[in-house]
């Protein structure tokens, strides 16, 4: 199910968005959804890098596969 939201977009960016939408015969909504979806990959990388840094600094505990298996009573 889709939900409507309100966003403020710079006028120049909106003009550019409309140009792409016209050229590709797509709606603004379609292009915005695709752009957000593509940016999720970037956000995943940022979060992964952050978590790796936390592990390296000793702020997060790392468990071996054996430790996880024992904790879940799989062995």
Protein backbone atom coordinates (compact mmCIF):
# COMPACT_ATOMS: atom_id res chain seq x y z
CA UNK A 1 0.00 0.00 0.00
CA UNK A 2 1.33 3.44 -0.88
CA UNK A 3 1.07 6.45 1.41
CA UNK A 4 1.23 10.09 0.44
CA UNK A 5 3.92 12.28 2.00
CA UNK A 6 4.85 15.93 1.65
CA UNK A 7 8.43 16.93 0.82
CA UNK A 8 10.10 20.18 -0.05
CA UNK A 9 12.37 20.04 -3.08
CA UNK A 10 14.60 22.78 -4.42
CA UNK A 11 13.01 24.41 -7.45
CA UNK A 12 15.95 23.62 -9.74
CA UNK A 13 15.89 19.98 -8.67
CA UNK A 14 12.15 19.80 -9.32
CA UNK A 15 12.66 21.28 -12.80
CA UNK A 16 15.31 18.67 -13.51
CA UNK A 17 13.07 15.91 -12.14
CA UNK A 18 10.24 17.04 -14.40
CA UNK A 19 12.58 17.04 -17.40
CA UNK A 20 13.62 13.46 -16.70
CA UNK A 21 10.01 12.42 -16.13
CA UNK A 22 8.95 13.92 -19.44
CA UNK A 23 11.87 12.42 -21.34
CA UNK A 24 11.34 8.96 -19.86
CA UNK A 25 7.54 9.16 -19.91
CA UNK A 26 7.41 8.40 -16.19
CA UNK A 27 5.85 10.17 -13.24
CA UNK A 28 7.68 12.18 -10.62
CA UNK A 29 6.60 9.59 -8.06
CA UNK A 30 8.10 6.74 -10.08
CA UNK A 31 11.45 8.51 -10.42
CA UNK A 32 11.55 9.53 -6.76
CA UNK A 33 10.77 5.97 -5.65
CA UNK A 34 13.54 4.61 -7.89
CA UNK A 35 16.02 7.19 -6.61
CA UNK A 36 15.25 6.41 -2.97
CA UNK A 37 15.46 2.67 -3.63
CA UNK A 38 18.87 3.09 -5.27
CA UNK A 39 20.09 5.25 -2.37
CA UNK A 40 19.20 2.49 0.13
CA UNK A 41 22.22 0.56 -1.20
CA UNK A 42 24.45 3.52 -0.33
CA UNK A 43 22.91 3.79 3.12
CA UNK A 44 23.51 0.07 3.70
CA UNK A 45 27.20 0.58 2.88
CA UNK A 46 27.44 3.55 5.24
CA UNK A 47 25.86 1.54 8.06
CA UNK A 48 28.10 -1.46 7.36
CA UNK A 49 31.23 0.72 7.45
CA UNK A 50 30.06 2.25 10.71
CA UNK A 51 29.49 -1.15 12.31
CA UNK A 52 32.90 -2.39 11.16
CA UNK A 53 34.49 0.69 12.74
CA UNK A 54 32.64 -0.02 16.00
CA UNK A 55 33.91 -3.61 16.00
CA UNK A 56 37.47 -2.44 15.33
CA UNK A 57 37.25 0.03 18.23
CA UNK A 58 35.97 -2.71 20.53
CA UNK A 59 32.55 -1.11 20.96
CA UNK A 60 30.75 -4.18 19.58
CA UNK A 61 31.25 -7.81 20.54
CA UNK A 62 31.85 -10.33 17.78
CA UNK A 63 30.69 -13.92 18.16
CA UNK A 64 32.04 -16.98 16.40
CA UNK A 65 29.69 -19.35 14.61
CA UNK A 66 30.33 -21.95 17.31
CA UNK A 67 29.36 -19.48 20.05
CA UNK A 68 26.12 -18.64 18.26
CA UNK A 69 25.31 -22.32 17.67
CA UNK A 70 25.88 -23.10 21.37
CA UNK A 71 23.77 -20.13 22.47
CA UNK A 72 20.92 -21.37 20.26
CA UNK A 73 21.38 -24.97 21.45
CA UNK A 74 22.18 -26.15 17.93
CA UNK A 75 25.13 -28.31 19.00
